[in-house]
Amino acid sequence: MIGAGVAGSYLGGMLHKIGHEITIFESNKKEMHWPVCAWGASRHMLEYFSKKAGLDFDNYVFHVGKRLRMGLPNQKEEFLDLDGLVTYNKKQWESDLLAGITVEYGVNCDKKTFPSDKYDYILDCTGFHRKFLPKPQEDFVIPAYEYLVENIQDIDEFQVVGYKGARGYFWYFPLSKGSGFMGAGDIDRKYHGVKEFLETHPDARIIKKIGRPIRLSPPKLMEPFYDGKIIGVGESIGTVFPMLGEGIIPSLLSCEIFLQVMEENKNNKVKFDHKRYREKILKKFNYYYDVYRIVRLKMDGKLNTVKHFNLLLSMYKNMKKDEKRFGFEVDFEKMRRLVNAL
């Protein structure tokens, strides 16, 4: 398994739990390995996956959100009621998932030199890098920077600021004791809000700065998902929700699909059904392509809420159906206003 992020840690832990011999290769040294993203996701889903892995998610929760403020262009704003959106100790959670597993840190694997013959399967969990899989059909990423900051005394809730034309967004996610993640993803690399945040909070201490592109291309555009004994899981195959740039839960869902396919075929001679895996991934994340189209149309100034009503309705219906998975209210009128305001 290549990569010890959320997909590598969870899937590695679950495969180890059911008796498979696993070795994980992580390019960062152990002391430098740091889970990227703002550590925010749905408590409902994280409790579900933690229970499967034998962990008590209550031990990892930092902040339980109640209301998210969404800043919009022209000084407009919206508020979303939260239902389970939390930040959590992602570093400790992933570390605990890896308990008992051989992890080779500081090993930068290369497909050409990797001893593939030693392993039955190679799982590409390298996220954005997609190191072992062939080049996808159509990749699209947004450059982003994120800062772990301390000594923030006046913000105790989730905050997001959307850029005009949906070309990016600024965020602040609270952790604990005045710490949080602040950052921005911006196709134009201007990162509005970061400088202003630091000017508004002169006592803030930057503990860590992380540069990390965010993949927005959905699985439909990220094929192939496999290449011989190489199989992609997580962000390497596009499991990021394009509207939010959120990949924790989608990556865990892709791990669950991988495990389901293994379970279906455990009594067959074929150890892993690649085609079945592909079918289930495409079905599960089918509507992500509609969401992606909305984002790209908005970025290009071509989104029309009348002409593209069916796309918006598809996004709403699918998000509403999985409301607990997102951790916030899904309201069509608010969604329409947000899209129009950007």
C-alpha atoms as a PDB file:
ATOM      1  CA  MET A   1       0.000   0.000   0.000  1.00  0.00           C
ATOM      2  CA  ILE A   2       1.415   3.386  -1.032  1.00  0.00           C
ATOM      3  CA  GLY A   3       0.418   6.330   1.162  1.00  0.00           C
ATOM      4  CA  ALA A   4      -0.592   6.574   4.822  1.00  0.00           C
ATOM      5  CA  GLY A   5      -3.276   9.253   4.546  1.00  0.00           C
ATOM      6  CA  VAL A   6      -6.931   8.747   5.383  1.00  0.00           C
ATOM      7  CA  ALA A   7      -7.522   6.070   2.720  1.00  0.00           C
ATOM      8  CA  GLY A   8      -4.250   4.232   3.360  1.00  0.00           C
ATOM      9  CA  SER A   9      -4.634   4.316   7.133  1.00  0.00           C
ATOM     10  CA  TYR A  10      -8.247   3.175   7.234  1.00  0.00           C
ATOM     11  CA  LEU A  11      -8.045   0.562   4.513  1.00  0.00           C
ATOM     12  CA  GLY A  12      -4.709  -0.695   5.783  1.00  0.00           C
ATOM     13  CA  GLY A  13      -6.123  -0.994   9.270  1.00  0.00           C
ATOM     14  CA  MET A  14      -9.235  -2.835   8.118  1.00  0.00           C
ATOM     15  CA  LEU A  15      -7.305  -5.254   5.893  1.00  0.00           C
ATOM     16  CA  HIS A  16      -4.924  -5.963   8.768  1.00  0.00           C
ATOM     17  CA  LYS A  17      -7.914  -6.488  11.065  1.00  0.00           C
ATOM     18  CA  ILE A  18      -9.328  -9.239   8.835  1.00  0.00           C
ATOM     19  CA  GLY A  19      -6.018 -11.034   8.564  1.00  0.00           C
ATOM     20  CA  HIS A  20      -4.173  -9.682   5.534  1.00  0.00           C
ATOM     21  CA  GLU A  21      -0.454  -8.996   5.646  1.00  0.00           C
ATOM     22  CA  ILE A  22      -0.009  -5.295   4.942  1.00  0.00           C
ATOM     23  CA  THR A  23       3.009  -3.077   4.385  1.00  0.00           C
ATOM     24  CA  ILE A  24       2.444   0.651   3.943  1.00  0.00           C
ATOM     25  CA  PHE A  25       5.013   2.927   2.323  1.00  0.00           C
ATOM     26  CA  GLU A  26       4.818   6.609   3.229  1.00  0.00           C
ATOM     27  CA  SER A  27       7.044   9.182   1.559  1.00  0.00           C
ATOM     28  CA  ASN A  28       7.240  11.482   4.595  1.00  0.00           C
ATOM     29  CA  LYS A  29       9.395  10.661   7.580  1.00  0.00           C
ATOM     30  CA  LYS A  30       7.355   9.664  10.619  1.00  0.00           C
ATOM     31  CA  GLU A  31       8.061  12.889  12.501  1.00  0.00           C
ATOM     32  CA  MET A  32       7.131  14.922   9.398  1.00  0.00           C
ATOM     33  CA  HIS A  33       4.007  12.976   8.422  1.00  0.00           C
ATOM     34  CA  TRP A  34       1.036  15.289   8.806  1.00  0.00           C
ATOM     35  CA  PRO A  35      -2.558  14.641   7.695  1.00  0.00           C
ATOM     36  CA  VAL A  36      -3.574  17.450   5.364  1.00  0.00           C
ATOM     37  CA  CYS A  37      -7.024  19.135   5.225  1.00  0.00           C
ATOM     38  CA  ALA A  38      -8.778  21.082   7.957  1.00  0.00           C
ATOM     39  CA  TRP A  39      -9.720  17.945   9.938  1.00  0.00           C
ATOM     40  CA  GLY A  40     -13.441  18.664   9.606  1.00  0.00           C
ATOM     41  CA  ALA A  41     -16.082  16.096   8.622  1.00  0.00           C
ATOM     42  CA  SER A  42     -19.383  14.526   9.635  1.00  0.00           C
ATOM     43  CA  ARG A  43     -19.410  13.045  13.121  1.00  0.00           C
ATOM     44  CA  HIS A  44     -22.126  10.590  12.058  1.00  0.00           C
ATOM     45  CA  MET A  45     -19.911   9.078   9.391  1.00  0.00           C
ATOM     46  CA  LEU A  46     -16.711   9.153  11.419  1.00  0.00           C
ATOM     47  CA  GLU A  47     -18.462   7.361  14.286  1.00  0.00           C
ATOM     48  CA  TYR A  48     -19.616   4.727  11.796  1.00  0.00           C
ATOM     49  CA  PHE A  49     -16.144   4.110  10.370  1.00  0.00           C
ATOM     50  CA  SER A  50     -14.468   4.311  13.777  1.00  0.00           C
ATOM     51  CA  LYS A  51     -16.789   1.651  15.170  1.00  0.00           C
ATOM     52  CA  LYS A  52     -15.936  -0.654  12.255  1.00  0.00           C
ATOM     53  CA  ALA A  53     -12.245  -0.145  13.021  1.00  0.00           C
ATOM     54  CA  GLY A  54     -12.716  -0.752  16.750  1.00  0.00           C
ATOM     55  CA  LEU A  55     -12.155   2.873  17.797  1.00  0.00           C
ATOM     56  CA  ASP A  56     -14.290   5.167  19.950  1.00  0.00           C
ATOM     57  CA  PHE A  57     -14.641   8.382  17.968  1.00  0.00           C
ATOM     58  CA  ASP A  58     -15.542  10.391  21.100  1.00  0.00           C
ATOM     59  CA  ASN A  59     -11.856  10.173  22.030  1.00  0.00           C
ATOM     60  CA  TYR A  60     -10.863  12.232  18.976  1.00  0.00           C
ATOM     61  CA  VAL A  61     -13.410  15.073  18.815  1.00  0.00           C
ATOM     62  CA  PHE A  62     -12.039  18.619  19.061  1.00  0.00           C
ATOM     63  CA  HIS A  63     -14.947  20.897  18.204  1.00  0.00           C
ATOM     64  CA  VAL A  64     -18.661  20.246  17.643  1.00  0.00           C
ATOM     65  CA  GLY A  65     -20.077  22.834  15.266  1.00  0.00           C
ATOM     66  CA  LYS A  66     -23.467  24.478  15.666  1.00  0.00           C
ATOM     67  CA  ARG A  67     -23.585  27.082  12.923  1.00  0.00           C
ATOM     68  CA  LEU A  68     -21.420  27.831   9.900  1.00  0.00           C
ATOM     69  CA  ARG A  69     -21.100  31.366   8.595  1.00  0.00           C
ATOM     70  CA  MET A  70     -20.714  31.556   4.837  1.00  0.00           C
ATOM     71  CA  GLY A  71     -19.337  34.880   3.604  1.00  0.00           C
ATOM     72  CA  LEU A  72     -20.300  35.734   0.024  1.00  0.00           C
ATOM     73  CA  PRO A  73     -19.349  38.389  -2.554  1.00  0.00           C
ATOM     74  CA  ASN A  74     -20.882  41.886  -2.208  1.00  0.00           C
ATOM     75  CA  GLN A  75     -20.886  41.525   1.585  1.00  0.00           C
ATOM     76  CA  LYS A  76     -23.695  39.012   1.619  1.00  0.00           C
ATOM     77  CA  GLU A  77     -23.730  36.056   3.963  1.00  0.00           C
ATOM     78  CA  GLU A  78     -25.617  32.891   4.715  1.00  0.00           C
ATOM     79  CA  PHE A  79     -25.717  30.682   7.796  1.00  0.00           C
ATOM     80  CA  LEU A  80     -25.984  26.909   7.768  1.00  0.00           C
ATOM     81  CA  ASP A  81     -27.258  25.001  10.786  1.00  0.00           C
ATOM     82  CA  LEU A  82     -24.828  22.204  11.543  1.00  0.00           C
ATOM     83  CA  ASP A  83     -25.797  18.671  12.446  1.00  0.00           C
ATOM     84  CA  GLY A  84     -22.672  16.700  13.235  1.00  0.00           C
ATOM     85  CA  LEU A  85     -19.948  18.737  11.551  1.00  0.00           C
ATOM     86  CA  VAL A  86     -16.897  18.406  13.797  1.00  0.00           C
ATOM     87  CA  THR A  87     -13.163  18.805  13.786  1.00  0.00           C
ATOM     88  CA  TYR A  88     -11.204  15.908  15.209  1.00  0.00           C
ATOM     89  CA  ASN A  89      -7.688  14.744  15.959  1.00  0.00           C
ATOM     90  CA  LYS A  90      -7.061  13.298  12.499  1.00  0.00           C
ATOM     91  CA  LYS A  91      -3.377  12.686  13.167  1.00  0.00           C
ATOM     92  CA  GLN A  92      -4.081  10.533  16.225  1.00  0.00           C
ATOM     93  CA  TRP A  93      -7.034   8.798  14.551  1.00  0.00           C
ATOM     94  CA  GLU A  94      -4.934   7.729  11.573  1.00  0.00           C
ATOM     95  CA  SER A  95      -2.056   6.716  13.844  1.00  0.00           C
ATOM     96  CA  ASP A  96      -4.372   4.481  15.887  1.00  0.00           C
ATOM     97  CA  LEU A  97      -5.733   2.879  12.715  1.00  0.00           C
ATOM     98  CA  LEU A  98      -2.161   1.873  11.844  1.00  0.00           C
ATOM     99  CA  ALA A  99      -1.483   0.111  15.146  1.00  0.00           C
ATOM    100  CA  GLY A 100       0.262  -3.210  14.520  1.00  0.00           C
ATOM    101  CA  ILE A 101       0.894  -2.511  10.815  1.00  0.00           C
ATOM    102  CA  THR A 102       4.330  -2.297   9.228  1.00  0.00           C
ATOM    103  CA  VAL A 103       4.733   1.277   7.963  1.00  0.00           C
ATOM    104  CA  GLU A 104       7.900   2.213   6.098  1.00  0.00           C
ATOM    105  CA  TYR A 105       8.219   5.976   6.563  1.00  0.00           C
ATOM    106  CA  GLY A 106      10.479   8.171   4.476  1.00  0.00           C
ATOM    107  CA  VAL A 107      10.264   5.898   1.436  1.00  0.00           C
ATOM    108  CA  ASN A 108       9.481   7.710  -1.803  1.00  0.00           C
ATOM    109  CA  CYS A 109       8.192   4.883  -3.994  1.00  0.00           C
ATOM    110  CA  ASP A 110       8.630   4.912  -7.746  1.00  0.00           C
ATOM    111  CA  LYS A 111       6.535   2.680  -9.990  1.00  0.00           C
ATOM    112  CA  LYS A 112       9.521   1.762 -12.177  1.00  0.00           C
ATOM    113  CA  THR A 113      11.706   0.572  -9.318  1.00  0.00           C
ATOM    114  CA  PHE A 114       9.089  -0.684  -6.830  1.00  0.00           C
ATOM    115  CA  PRO A 115       9.385  -4.474  -6.201  1.00  0.00           C
ATOM    116  CA  SER A 116       5.852  -5.196  -7.455  1.00  0.00           C
ATOM    117  CA  ASP A 117       6.494  -8.941  -7.701  1.00  0.00           C
ATOM    118  CA  LYS A 118       6.685  -9.172  -3.898  1.00  0.00           C
ATOM    119  CA  TYR A 119       3.021  -8.222  -3.449  1.00  0.00           C
ATOM    120  CA  ASP A 120      -0.351  -9.599  -4.538  1.00  0.00           C
ATOM    121  CA  TYR A 121      -1.747  -6.087  -4.899  1.00  0.00           C
ATOM    122  CA  ILE A 122      -0.465  -2.536  -4.753  1.00  0.00           C
ATOM    123  CA  LEU A 123      -2.999  -0.012  -3.489  1.00  0.00           C
ATOM    124  CA  ASP A 124      -2.409   3.536  -4.705  1.00  0.00           C
ATOM    125  CA  CYS A 125      -3.520   5.740  -1.807  1.00  0.00           C
ATOM    126  CA  THR A 126      -1.241   8.626  -2.776  1.00  0.00           C
ATOM    127  CA  GLY A 127      -4.090  11.135  -3.104  1.00  0.00           C
ATOM    128  CA  PHE A 128      -3.388  14.037  -5.409  1.00  0.00           C
ATOM    129  CA  HIS A 129      -0.111  12.500  -6.617  1.00  0.00           C
ATOM    130  CA  ARG A 130      -1.671   9.294  -8.035  1.00  0.00           C
ATOM    131  CA  LYS A 131       1.845   7.936  -8.248  1.00  0.00           C
ATOM    132  CA  PHE A 132       1.216   4.399  -9.485  1.00  0.00           C
ATOM    133  CA  LEU A 133      -1.898   4.785 -11.637  1.00  0.00           C
ATOM    134  CA  PRO A 134      -1.866   5.925 -15.278  1.00  0.00           C
ATOM    135  CA  LYS A 135      -2.701   9.516 -16.149  1.00  0.00           C
ATOM    136  CA  PRO A 136      -6.480  10.126 -15.825  1.00  0.00           C
ATOM    137  CA  GLN A 137      -8.864  11.305 -18.521  1.00  0.00           C
ATOM    138  CA  GLU A 138      -9.339  14.838 -17.241  1.00  0.00           C
ATOM    139  CA  ASP A 139      -7.739  16.081 -14.033  1.00  0.00           C
ATOM    140  CA  PHE A 140      -8.620  19.385 -12.406  1.00  0.00           C
ATOM    141  CA  VAL A 141      -7.021  20.687  -9.221  1.00  0.00           C
ATOM    142  CA  ILE A 142      -7.118  23.897  -7.225  1.00  0.00           C
ATOM    143  CA  PRO A 143      -3.907  25.143  -5.538  1.00  0.00           C
ATOM    144  CA  ALA A 144      -4.339  25.634  -1.793  1.00  0.00           C
ATOM    145  CA  TYR A 145      -2.449  26.702   1.307  1.00  0.00           C
ATOM    146  CA  GLU A 146      -3.388  25.852   4.847  1.00  0.00           C
ATOM    147  CA  TYR A 147      -2.082  27.110   8.184  1.00  0.00           C
ATOM    148  CA  LEU A 148      -2.327  25.528  11.607  1.00  0.00           C
ATOM    149  CA  VAL A 149      -2.673  28.547  13.891  1.00  0.00           C
ATOM    150  CA  GLU A 150      -2.797  29.086  17.647  1.00  0.00           C
ATOM    151  CA  ASN A 151      -3.813  31.907  19.973  1.00  0.00           C
ATOM    152  CA  ILE A 152      -7.120  32.651  18.222  1.00  0.00           C
ATOM    153  CA  GLN A 153      -9.406  33.915  20.963  1.00  0.00           C
ATOM    154  CA  ASP A 154     -12.424  35.360  19.175  1.00  0.00           C
ATOM    155  CA  ILE A 155     -13.543  32.621  16.743  1.00  0.00           C
ATOM    156  CA  ASP A 156     -15.249  29.518  18.043  1.00  0.00           C
ATOM    157  CA  GLU A 157     -17.157  28.382  14.959  1.00  0.00           C
ATOM    158  CA  PHE A 158     -16.719  27.231  11.387  1.00  0.00           C
ATOM    159  CA  GLN A 159     -16.320  30.048   8.886  1.00  0.00           C
ATOM    160  CA  VAL A 160     -16.074  29.935   5.091  1.00  0.00           C
ATOM    161  CA  VAL A 161     -15.800  32.746   2.548  1.00  0.00           C
ATOM    162  CA  GLY A 162     -16.676  31.930  -1.058  1.00  0.00           C
ATOM    163  CA  TYR A 163     -14.931  33.777  -3.893  1.00  0.00           C
ATOM    164  CA  LYS A 164     -16.749  35.371  -6.797  1.00  0.00           C
ATOM    165  CA  GLY A 165     -17.351  32.898  -9.616  1.00  0.00           C
ATOM    166  CA  ALA A 166     -16.772  29.948  -7.262  1.00  0.00           C
ATOM    167  CA  ARG A 167     -13.068  30.216  -8.082  1.00  0.00           C
ATOM    168  CA  GLY A 168     -12.065  29.299  -4.570  1.00  0.00           C
ATOM    169  CA  TYR A 169     -12.784  29.857  -0.905  1.00  0.00           C
ATOM    170  CA  PHE A 170     -11.231  30.795   2.425  1.00  0.00           C
ATOM    171  CA  TRP A 171     -11.892  28.771   5.569  1.00  0.00           C
ATOM    172  CA  TYR A 172     -11.345  28.717   9.303  1.00  0.00           C
ATOM    173  CA  PHE A 173     -12.059  25.479  11.193  1.00  0.00           C
ATOM    174  CA  PRO A 174     -11.667  25.621  14.998  1.00  0.00           C
ATOM    175  CA  LEU A 175      -9.851  22.824  16.785  1.00  0.00           C
ATOM    176  CA  SER A 176      -9.348  23.289  20.535  1.00  0.00           C
ATOM    177  CA  LYS A 177      -7.894  25.783  23.006  1.00  0.00           C
ATOM    178  CA  GLY A 178      -7.732  28.663  20.537  1.00  0.00           C
ATOM    179  CA  SER A 179      -6.181  26.655  17.714  1.00  0.00           C
ATOM    180  CA  GLY A 180      -7.572  26.005  14.267  1.00  0.00           C
ATOM    181  CA  PHE A 181      -6.914  25.545  10.587  1.00  0.00           C
ATOM    182  CA  MET A 182      -7.021  28.603   8.362  1.00  0.00           C
ATOM    183  CA  GLY A 183      -6.437  28.536   4.641  1.00  0.00           C
ATOM    184  CA  ALA A 184      -7.633  29.077   1.108  1.00  0.00           C
ATOM    185  CA  GLY A 185      -7.952  27.236  -2.170  1.00  0.00           C
ATOM    186  CA  ASP A 186      -7.894  29.484  -5.234  1.00  0.00           C
ATOM    187  CA  ILE A 187      -7.653  28.670  -8.938  1.00  0.00           C
ATOM    188  CA  ASP A 188      -6.188  32.169  -9.434  1.00  0.00           C
ATOM    189  CA  ARG A 189      -3.602  31.728  -6.636  1.00  0.00           C
ATOM    190  CA  LYS A 190      -4.582  34.957  -4.850  1.00  0.00           C
ATOM    191  CA  TYR A 191      -5.809  33.305  -1.622  1.00  0.00           C
ATOM    192  CA  HIS A 192      -8.046  36.145  -0.480  1.00  0.00           C
ATOM    193  CA  GLY A 193      -8.669  36.150   3.243  1.00  0.00           C
ATOM    194  CA  VAL A 194      -5.362  34.730   4.456  1.00  0.00           C
ATOM    195  CA  LYS A 195      -3.530  38.054   4.740  1.00  0.00           C
ATOM    196  CA  GLU A 196      -6.645  39.724   6.124  1.00  0.00           C
ATOM    197  CA  PHE A 197      -7.065  37.008   8.751  1.00  0.00           C
ATOM    198  CA  LEU A 198      -3.495  37.416   9.991  1.00  0.00           C
ATOM    199  CA  GLU A 199      -3.833  41.212  10.047  1.00  0.00           C
ATOM    200  CA  THR A 200      -7.052  40.925  12.054  1.00  0.00           C
ATOM    201  CA  HIS A 201      -5.405  38.481  14.462  1.00  0.00           C
ATOM    202  CA  PRO A 202      -1.904  39.917  15.073  1.00  0.00           C
ATOM    203  CA  ASP A 203      -1.338  37.578  18.033  1.00  0.00           C
ATOM    204  CA  ALA A 204      -1.953  34.464  15.949  1.00  0.00           C
ATOM    205  CA  ARG A 205       0.953  32.041  15.848  1.00  0.00           C
ATOM    206  CA  ILE A 206       1.482  29.997  12.702  1.00  0.00           C
ATOM    207  CA  ILE A 207       2.508  26.500  13.790  1.00  0.00           C
ATOM    208  CA  LYS A 208       2.534  24.846  10.408  1.00  0.00           C
ATOM    209  CA  LYS A 209       2.101  25.896   6.778  1.00  0.00           C
ATOM    210  CA  ILE A 210       1.027  23.324   4.226  1.00  0.00           C
ATOM    211  CA  GLY A 211       0.807  23.679   0.455  1.00  0.00           C
ATOM    212  CA  ARG A 212      -1.618  21.163  -0.984  1.00  0.00           C
ATOM    213  CA  PRO A 213      -3.514  21.038  -4.269  1.00  0.00           C
ATOM    214  CA  ILE A 214      -7.155  19.938  -3.987  1.00  0.00           C
ATOM    215  CA  ARG A 215      -8.452  17.591  -6.677  1.00  0.00           C
ATOM    216  CA  LEU A 216     -11.981  18.405  -7.879  1.00  0.00           C
ATOM    217  CA  SER A 217     -12.252  15.926 -10.765  1.00  0.00           C
ATOM    218  CA  PRO A 218     -14.800  13.233  -9.823  1.00  0.00           C
ATOM    219  CA  PRO A 219     -14.258   9.487 -10.323  1.00  0.00           C
ATOM    220  CA  LYS A 220     -16.009   9.585 -13.711  1.00  0.00           C
ATOM    221  CA  LEU A 221     -13.046  11.601 -15.032  1.00  0.00           C
ATOM    222  CA  MET A 222     -10.313   9.824 -13.084  1.00  0.00           C
ATOM    223  CA  GLU A 223     -10.249   6.457 -14.792  1.00  0.00           C
ATOM    224  CA  PRO A 224      -8.536   4.079 -14.914  1.00  0.00           C
ATOM    225  CA  PHE A 225      -9.017   3.058 -11.287  1.00  0.00           C
ATOM    226  CA  TYR A 226      -6.698   0.087 -11.697  1.00  0.00           C
ATOM    227  CA  ASP A 227      -3.773  -1.095 -13.772  1.00  0.00           C
ATOM    228  CA  GLY A 228      -3.002  -4.780 -13.361  1.00  0.00           C
ATOM    229  CA  LYS A 229      -2.316  -5.425  -9.684  1.00  0.00           C
ATOM    230  CA  ILE A 230      -2.366  -1.666  -8.948  1.00  0.00           C
ATOM    231  CA  ILE A 231      -5.706  -0.428  -7.560  1.00  0.00           C
ATOM    232  CA  GLY A 232      -6.520   3.165  -6.641  1.00  0.00           C
ATOM    233  CA  VAL A 233      -8.455   4.135  -3.525  1.00  0.00           C
ATOM    234  CA  GLY A 234      -9.434   7.558  -2.191  1.00  0.00           C
ATOM    235  CA  GLU A 235      -8.465  10.866  -3.717  1.00  0.00           C
ATOM    236  CA  SER A 236      -6.193   9.138  -6.236  1.00  0.00           C
ATOM    237  CA  ILE A 237      -9.400   8.134  -8.064  1.00  0.00           C
ATOM    238  CA  GLY A 238     -11.244  11.423  -7.465  1.00  0.00           C
ATOM    239  CA  THR A 239     -13.197  10.820  -4.256  1.00  0.00           C
ATOM    240  CA  VAL A 240     -13.471  14.487  -3.301  1.00  0.00           C
ATOM    241  CA  PHE A 241     -16.797  16.341  -3.213  1.00  0.00           C
ATOM    242  CA  PRO A 242     -16.194  19.064  -5.853  1.00  0.00           C
ATOM    243  CA  MET A 243     -18.355  21.811  -4.320  1.00  0.00           C
ATOM    244  CA  LEU A 244     -16.584  21.654  -0.954  1.00  0.00           C
ATOM    245  CA  GLY A 245     -13.173  20.178  -1.719  1.00  0.00           C
ATOM    246  CA  GLU A 246     -13.935  17.649   1.042  1.00  0.00           C
ATOM    247  CA  GLY A 247     -12.339  14.241   0.739  1.00  0.00           C
ATOM    248  CA  ILE A 248     -12.310  12.524   4.143  1.00  0.00           C
ATOM    249  CA  ILE A 249     -15.718  10.858   3.999  1.00  0.00           C
ATOM    250  CA  PRO A 250     -15.676  10.145   0.230  1.00  0.00           C
ATOM    251  CA  SER A 251     -12.280   8.463   0.600  1.00  0.00           C
ATOM    252  CA  LEU A 252     -13.558   6.331   3.466  1.00  0.00           C
ATOM    253  CA  LEU A 253     -16.593   5.376   1.369  1.00  0.00           C
ATOM    254  CA  SER A 254     -14.268   4.220  -1.402  1.00  0.00           C
ATOM    255  CA  CYS A 255     -12.404   2.086   1.151  1.00  0.00           C
ATOM    256  CA  GLU A 256     -15.712   0.533   2.168  1.00  0.00           C
ATOM    257  CA  ILE A 257     -16.474  -0.303  -1.466  1.00  0.00           C
ATOM    258  CA  PHE A 258     -13.046  -1.941  -1.806  1.00  0.00           C
ATOM    259  CA  LEU A 259     -13.735  -4.089   1.260  1.00  0.00           C
ATOM    260  CA  GLN A 260     -17.230  -4.987   0.006  1.00  0.00           C
ATOM    261  CA  VAL A 261     -15.798  -6.232  -3.300  1.00  0.00           C
ATOM    262  CA  MET A 262     -13.204  -8.294  -1.416  1.00  0.00           C
ATOM    263  CA  GLU A 263     -15.936  -9.806   0.744  1.00  0.00           C
ATOM    264  CA  GLU A 264     -18.082 -10.645  -2.297  1.00  0.00           C
ATOM    265  CA  ASN A 265     -15.205 -12.546  -3.857  1.00  0.00           C
ATOM    266  CA  LYS A 266     -13.636 -14.205  -0.833  1.00  0.00           C
ATOM    267  CA  ASN A 267     -14.876 -17.639  -1.874  1.00  0.00           C
ATOM    268  CA  ASN A 268     -13.991 -17.214  -5.541  1.00  0.00           C
ATOM    269  CA  LYS A 269     -10.716 -18.019  -7.237  1.00  0.00           C
ATOM    270  CA  VAL A 270     -10.429 -14.387  -8.362  1.00  0.00           C
ATOM    271  CA  LYS A 271      -9.075 -12.503  -5.350  1.00  0.00           C
ATOM    272  CA  PHE A 272     -10.348  -9.106  -6.412  1.00  0.00           C
ATOM    273  CA  ASP A 273     -12.953  -8.213  -9.048  1.00  0.00           C
ATOM    274  CA  HIS A 274     -11.583  -5.035 -10.627  1.00  0.00           C
ATOM    275  CA  LYS A 275     -14.620  -4.535 -12.860  1.00  0.00           C
ATOM    276  CA  ARG A 276     -17.033  -4.865  -9.950  1.00  0.00           C
ATOM    277  CA  TYR A 277     -14.984  -2.318  -8.002  1.00  0.00           C
ATOM    278  CA  ARG A 278     -15.124   0.114 -10.918  1.00  0.00           C
ATOM    279  CA  GLU A 279     -18.898  -0.306 -11.275  1.00  0.00           C
ATOM    280  CA  LYS A 280     -19.560   0.296  -7.593  1.00  0.00           C
ATOM    281  CA  ILE A 281     -17.281   3.352  -7.443  1.00  0.00           C
ATOM    282  CA  LEU A 282     -18.934   4.932 -10.481  1.00  0.00           C
ATOM    283  CA  LYS A 283     -22.406   4.241  -9.110  1.00  0.00           C
ATOM    284  CA  LYS A 284     -21.676   5.581  -5.627  1.00  0.00           C
ATOM    285  CA  PHE A 285     -20.065   8.783  -6.875  1.00  0.00           C
ATOM    286  CA  ASN A 286     -22.166   9.245 -10.007  1.00  0.00           C
ATOM    287  CA  TYR A 287     -23.705  12.582  -9.003  1.00  0.00           C
ATOM    288  CA  TYR A 288     -20.294  14.063  -8.181  1.00  0.00           C
ATOM    289  CA  TYR A 289     -19.977  14.644 -11.927  1.00  0.00           C
ATOM    290  CA  ASP A 290     -23.086  16.867 -11.887  1.00  0.00           C
ATOM    291  CA  VAL A 291     -21.624  18.804  -8.961  1.00  0.00           C
ATOM    292  CA  TYR A 292     -18.324  19.120 -10.820  1.00  0.00           C
ATOM    293  CA  ARG A 293     -20.125  20.478 -13.889  1.00  0.00           C
ATOM    294  CA  ILE A 294     -21.860  23.106 -11.736  1.00  0.00           C
ATOM    295  CA  VAL A 295     -18.514  24.227 -10.306  1.00  0.00           C
ATOM    296  CA  ARG A 296     -16.827  24.404 -13.717  1.00  0.00           C
ATOM    297  CA  LEU A 297     -19.776  26.221 -15.317  1.00  0.00           C
ATOM    298  CA  LYS A 298     -19.762  28.751 -12.474  1.00  0.00           C
ATOM    299  CA  MET A 299     -16.006  29.254 -12.778  1.00  0.00           C
ATOM    300  CA  ASP A 300     -16.400  29.874 -16.503  1.00  0.00           C
ATOM    301  CA  GLY A 301     -19.283  32.318 -15.978  1.00  0.00           C
ATOM    302  CA  LYS A 302     -21.677  30.052 -17.875  1.00  0.00           C
ATOM    303  CA  LEU A 303     -23.949  28.701 -15.124  1.00  0.00           C
ATOM    304  CA  ASN A 304     -27.609  29.604 -15.581  1.00  0.00           C
ATOM    305  CA  THR A 305     -29.870  28.468 -12.747  1.00  0.00           C
ATOM    306  CA  VAL A 306     -32.791  28.105 -15.168  1.00  0.00           C
ATOM    307  CA  LYS A 307     -30.945  26.385 -17.994  1.00  0.00           C
ATOM    308  CA  HIS A 308     -29.015  24.155 -15.608  1.00  0.00           C
ATOM    309  CA  PHE A 309     -31.850  23.586 -13.153  1.00  0.00           C
ATOM    310  CA  ASN A 310     -31.641  19.789 -13.494  1.00  0.00           C
ATOM    311  CA  LEU A 311     -27.976  19.828 -12.480  1.00  0.00           C
ATOM    312  CA  LEU A 312     -28.783  21.862  -9.372  1.00  0.00           C
ATOM    313  CA  LEU A 313     -31.733  19.613  -8.566  1.00  0.00           C
ATOM    314  CA  SER A 314     -29.553  16.512  -8.894  1.00  0.00           C
ATOM    315  CA  MET A 315     -27.009  17.987  -6.483  1.00  0.00           C
ATOM    316  CA  TYR A 316     -29.720  18.966  -4.010  1.00  0.00           C
ATOM    317  CA  LYS A 317     -31.569  15.633  -4.080  1.00  0.00           C
ATOM    318  CA  ASN A 318     -28.426  13.582  -3.618  1.00  0.00           C
ATOM    319  CA  MET A 319     -27.067  15.819  -0.864  1.00  0.00           C
ATOM    320  CA  LYS A 320     -30.453  15.858   0.900  1.00  0.00           C
ATOM    321  CA  LYS A 321     -30.599  12.076   0.772  1.00  0.00           C
ATOM    322  CA  ASP A 322     -27.185  11.946   2.474  1.00  0.00           C
ATOM    323  CA  GLU A 323     -27.657  14.946   4.760  1.00  0.00           C
ATOM    324  CA  LYS A 324     -26.136  13.169   7.763  1.00  0.00           C
ATOM    325  CA  ARG A 325     -23.063  12.410   5.680  1.00  0.00           C
ATOM    326  CA  PHE A 326     -22.364  16.138   5.244  1.00  0.00           C
ATOM    327  CA  GLY A 327     -23.054  17.258   8.804  1.00  0.00           C
ATOM    328  CA  PHE A 328     -25.048  20.358   7.866  1.00  0.00           C
ATOM    329  CA  GLU A 329     -28.541  21.235   6.699  1.00  0.00           C
ATOM    330  CA  VAL A 330     -29.242  20.846   2.995  1.00  0.00           C
ATOM    331  CA  ASP A 331     -31.840  23.408   1.921  1.00  0.00           C
ATOM    332  CA  PHE A 332     -32.674  24.031  -1.738  1.00  0.00           C
ATOM    333  CA  GLU A 333     -33.418  27.750  -1.373  1.00  0.00           C
ATOM    334  CA  LYS A 334     -30.200  28.384   0.526  1.00  0.00           C
ATOM    335  CA  MET A 335     -28.304  26.352  -2.033  1.00  0.00           C
ATOM    336  CA  ARG A 336     -29.818  28.356  -4.878  1.00  0.00           C
ATOM    337  CA  ARG A 337     -28.986  31.659  -3.152  1.00  0.00           C
ATOM    338  CA  LEU A 338     -25.423  30.539  -2.516  1.00  0.00           C
ATOM    339  CA  VAL A 339     -24.896  29.540  -6.135  1.00  0.00           C
ATOM    340  CA  ASN A 340     -26.436  32.787  -7.388  1.00  0.00           C
ATOM    341  CA  ALA A 341     -24.406  34.949  -4.982  1.00  0.00           C
ATOM    342  CA  LEU A 342     -21.057  33.530  -6.011  1.00  0.00           C
END
